[in-house]
C-alpha atoms as a PDB file:
ATOM      1  CA  MET A   1      30.172  94.242  99.410  1.00  0.00           C
ATOM      2  CA  MET A   2      33.902  94.821 100.259  1.00  0.00           C
ATOM      3  CA  VAL A   3      35.264  98.271  99.974  1.00  0.00           C
ATOM      4  CA  ARG A   4      39.151  98.543  98.996  1.00  0.00           C
ATOM      5  CA  PHE A   5      40.765 101.672  99.774  1.00  0.00           C
ATOM      6  CA  GLU A   6      43.434 103.282  98.122  1.00  0.00           C
ATOM      7  CA  GLU A   7      47.213 103.985 100.625  1.00  0.00           C
ATOM      8  CA  ASN A   8      46.020 107.629  99.506  1.00  0.00           C
ATOM      9  CA  GLU A   9      42.497 107.480 100.817  1.00  0.00           C
ATOM     10  CA  TYR A  10      43.606 105.497 104.534  1.00  0.00           C
ATOM     11  CA  PHE A  11      46.118 108.229 105.151  1.00  0.00           C
ATOM     12  CA  LEU A  12      42.897 111.240 104.168  1.00  0.00           C
ATOM     13  CA  THR A  13      40.790 108.551 106.993  1.00  0.00           C
ATOM     14  CA  ALA A  14      43.438 108.692 109.446  1.00  0.00           C
ATOM     15  CA  MET A  15      44.256 112.785 109.592  1.00  0.00           C
ATOM     16  CA  PHE A  16      40.031 112.845 109.432  1.00  0.00           C
ATOM     17  CA  GLN A  17      39.455 109.928 112.100  1.00  0.00           C
ATOM     18  CA  LYS A  18      36.669 110.451 114.902  1.00  0.00           C
ATOM     19  CA  GLU A  19      35.264 108.426 116.659  1.00  0.00           C
ATOM     20  CA  SER A  20      32.783 106.944 114.230  1.00  0.00           C
ATOM     21  CA  ARG A  21      32.357 106.500 110.310  1.00  0.00           C
ATOM     22  CA  GLN A  22      29.721 109.371 110.262  1.00  0.00           C
ATOM     23  CA  ALA A  23      31.588 111.916 112.400  1.00  0.00           C
ATOM     24  CA  THR A  24      34.724 111.222 110.037  1.00  0.00           C
ATOM     25  CA  ILE A  25      32.790 111.800 107.237  1.00  0.00           C
ATOM     26  CA  GLU A  26      30.856 114.843 108.494  1.00  0.00           C
ATOM     27  CA  GLU A  27      34.710 116.173 109.241  1.00  0.00           C
ATOM     28  CA  ILE A  28      36.765 115.692 105.862  1.00  0.00           C
ATOM     29  CA  HIS A  29      33.592 117.328 104.516  1.00  0.00           C
ATOM     30  CA  LYS A  30      34.426 120.872 107.221  1.00  0.00           C
ATOM     31  CA  ALA A  31      37.755 120.365 104.980  1.00  0.00           C
ATOM     32  CA  ILE A  32      36.479 120.690 101.100  1.00  0.00           C
ATOM     33  CA  PRO A  33      36.141 124.591 101.211  1.00  0.00           C
ATOM     34  CA  TYR A  34      40.176 124.746 102.088  1.00  0.00           C
ATOM     35  CA  ILE A  35      40.402 122.982  99.361  1.00  0.00           C
ATOM     36  CA  GLY A  36      40.392 125.197  96.588  1.00  0.00           C
ATOM     37  CA  ARG A  37      40.476 124.108  92.886  1.00  0.00           C
ATOM     38  CA  ASP A  38      42.882 121.800  94.054  1.00  0.00           C
ATOM     39  CA  GLU A  39      41.551 118.513  91.497  1.00  0.00           C
ATOM     40  CA  GLU A  40      43.416 115.563  92.640  1.00  0.00           C
ATOM     41  CA  MET A  41      42.783 116.717  96.197  1.00  0.00           C
ATOM     42  CA  LEU A  42      39.034 116.725  95.686  1.00  0.00           C
ATOM     43  CA  ALA A  43      38.952 113.502  93.927  1.00  0.00           C
ATOM     44  CA  LEU A  44      40.832 111.771  96.198  1.00  0.00           C
ATOM     45  CA  ILE A  45      38.460 113.651  99.203  1.00  0.00           C
ATOM     46  CA  ASN A  46      35.597 112.635  96.951  1.00  0.00           C
ATOM     47  CA  SER A  47      36.946 108.380  96.420  1.00  0.00           C
ATOM     48  CA  THR A  48      37.225 108.219 100.334  1.00  0.00           C
ATOM     49  CA  LEU A  49      33.718 109.962 100.879  1.00  0.00           C
ATOM     50  CA  GLU A  50      31.836 107.251  98.989  1.00  0.00           C
ATOM     51  CA  LYS A  51      33.975 104.224 100.291  1.00  0.00           C
ATOM     52  CA  LEU A  52      33.220 105.795 103.872  1.00  0.00           C
ATOM     53  CA  TRP A  53      29.449 105.769 102.836  1.00  0.00           C
ATOM     54  CA  PHE A  54      29.576 102.156 102.347  1.00  0.00           C
ATOM     55  CA  LEU A  55      31.912 101.230 104.600  1.00  0.00           C
ATOM     56  CA  SER A  56      29.807  99.519 107.868  1.00  0.00           C
ATOM     57  CA  ASP A  57      29.853 101.452 111.199  1.00  0.00           C
ATOM     58  CA  GLU A  58      31.617  98.073 112.149  1.00  0.00           C
ATOM     59  CA  SER A  59      34.349  97.782 109.540  1.00  0.00           C
ATOM     60  CA  PHE A  60      34.728 101.255 110.087  1.00  0.00           C
ATOM     61  CA  LEU A  61      35.878 100.627 113.487  1.00  0.00           C
ATOM     62  CA  SER A  62      37.790  97.200 113.200  1.00  0.00           C
ATOM     63  CA  MET A  63      40.043  99.584 110.520  1.00  0.00           C
ATOM     64  CA  ASP A  64      43.676  99.978 111.637  1.00  0.00           C
ATOM     65  CA  LEU A  65      44.470 103.495 110.349  1.00  0.00           C
ATOM     66  CA  GLU A  66      47.426 103.625 113.258  1.00  0.00           C
ATOM     67  CA  PRO A  67      50.299 103.070 110.933  1.00  0.00           C
ATOM     68  CA  TYR A  68      48.905 105.979 108.231  1.00  0.00           C
ATOM     69  CA  ARG A  69      48.727 108.593 110.676  1.00  0.00           C
ATOM     70  CA  GLN A  70      51.705 111.264 111.029  1.00  0.00           C
ATOM     71  CA  GLU A  71      53.618 112.771 113.629  1.00  0.00           C
ATOM     72  CA  PRO A  72      52.957 116.199 114.050  1.00  0.00           C
ATOM     73  CA  LEU A  73      56.081 118.471 112.061  1.00  0.00           C
ATOM     74  CA  GLU A  74      58.390 119.977 115.176  1.00  0.00           C
ATOM     75  CA  ASP A  75      58.906 123.580 114.699  1.00  0.00           C
ATOM     76  CA  GLU A  76      63.340 123.817 114.644  1.00  0.00           C
END
């Protein structure tokens, strides 16, 4: 099964990426209590988690998330 990620799902995955697919899923789960009632963000998290569950470990490891990483904001 081919799993297609939307751009925002790539950004979310890159933000929480760990050494494995399972560790990334767990890291995203840890953020859920901090989301509150932001329905858009919860929908994004849910769709991303669902796709990560269906993705193989090999496909996860071959994902190029570098273009989706954001530089931390520096204090000015």
